[in-house]
Amino acid sequence: MKTTAYFREMRNRPDRAVIRDEWILRTMEAPGAGEVQDDGRIRQ
């Protein structure tokens, strides 16, 4: 999976170590419902 440097740095944090790549890929393939806020950000 293609990632940014920021993403890779965050994955190195101890509190993020439990997050599995499979979980990330599954979420990317089938994201949950969300709404676009006025500033363009997506709220989950």
C-alpha atoms as a PDB file:
ATOM      1  CA  MET A   1       0.000   0.000   0.000  1.00  0.00           C
ATOM      2  CA  LYS A   2       1.274   3.449  -0.866  1.00  0.00           C
ATOM      3  CA  THR A   3       1.715   5.709   2.184  1.00  0.00           C
ATOM      4  CA  THR A   4       3.003   9.119   3.162  1.00  0.00           C
ATOM      5  CA  ALA A   5       5.960   9.821   5.424  1.00  0.00           C
ATOM      6  CA  TYR A   6       3.547  11.168   8.061  1.00  0.00           C
ATOM      7  CA  PHE A   7       1.576   7.915   7.997  1.00  0.00           C
ATOM      8  CA  ARG A   8       4.731   5.829   8.394  1.00  0.00           C
ATOM      9  CA  GLU A   9       5.888   7.973  11.330  1.00  0.00           C
ATOM     10  CA  MET A  10       2.521   7.607  13.057  1.00  0.00           C
ATOM     11  CA  ARG A  11       2.664   3.820  12.604  1.00  0.00           C
ATOM     12  CA  ASN A  12       5.938   3.780  14.558  1.00  0.00           C
ATOM     13  CA  ARG A  13       4.279   5.198  17.674  1.00  0.00           C
ATOM     14  CA  PRO A  14       3.822   2.636  20.471  1.00  0.00           C
ATOM     15  CA  ASP A  15       0.091   3.359  20.773  1.00  0.00           C
ATOM     16  CA  ARG A  16      -0.388   2.595  17.054  1.00  0.00           C
ATOM     17  CA  ALA A  17       1.643  -0.621  16.995  1.00  0.00           C
ATOM     18  CA  VAL A  18      -1.449  -2.789  17.557  1.00  0.00           C
ATOM     19  CA  ILE A  19      -3.131  -1.589  14.354  1.00  0.00           C
ATOM     20  CA  ARG A  20      -2.747  -4.256  11.677  1.00  0.00           C
ATOM     21  CA  ASP A  21      -2.234  -3.570   7.971  1.00  0.00           C
ATOM     22  CA  GLU A  22      -5.193  -5.861   7.212  1.00  0.00           C
ATOM     23  CA  TRP A  23      -7.485  -3.590   9.230  1.00  0.00           C
ATOM     24  CA  ILE A  24      -6.312  -0.534   7.330  1.00  0.00           C
ATOM     25  CA  LEU A  25      -6.756  -2.207   3.945  1.00  0.00           C
ATOM     26  CA  ARG A  26     -10.229  -3.489   4.874  1.00  0.00           C
ATOM     27  CA  THR A  27     -11.293   0.009   5.917  1.00  0.00           C
ATOM     28  CA  MET A  28      -9.910   1.524   2.717  1.00  0.00           C
ATOM     29  CA  GLU A  29     -11.826  -1.016   0.624  1.00  0.00           C
ATOM     30  CA  ALA A  30     -15.135  -0.540   2.462  1.00  0.00           C
ATOM     31  CA  PRO A  31     -15.212   2.733   4.401  1.00  0.00           C
ATOM     32  CA  GLY A  32     -18.111   3.439   6.727  1.00  0.00           C
ATOM     33  CA  ALA A  33     -20.582   6.261   6.316  1.00  0.00           C
ATOM     34  CA  GLY A  34     -19.281   9.769   6.684  1.00  0.00           C
ATOM     35  CA  GLU A  35     -20.292  13.327   6.051  1.00  0.00           C
ATOM     36  CA  VAL A  36     -18.341  16.131   4.445  1.00  0.00           C
ATOM     37  CA  GLN A  37     -18.045  19.151   6.733  1.00  0.00           C
ATOM     38  CA  ASP A  38     -18.152  22.757   5.544  1.00  0.00           C
ATOM     39  CA  ASP A  39     -14.350  22.943   5.588  1.00  0.00           C
ATOM     40  CA  GLY A  40     -14.029  19.868   3.331  1.00  0.00           C
ATOM     41  CA  ARG A  41     -12.939  17.416   6.017  1.00  0.00           C
ATOM     42  CA  ILE A  42     -14.752  14.086   6.290  1.00  0.00           C
ATOM     43  CA  ARG A  43     -16.377  13.294   9.615  1.00  0.00           C
ATOM     44  CA  GLN A  44     -16.825   9.601  10.405  1.00  0.00           C
END
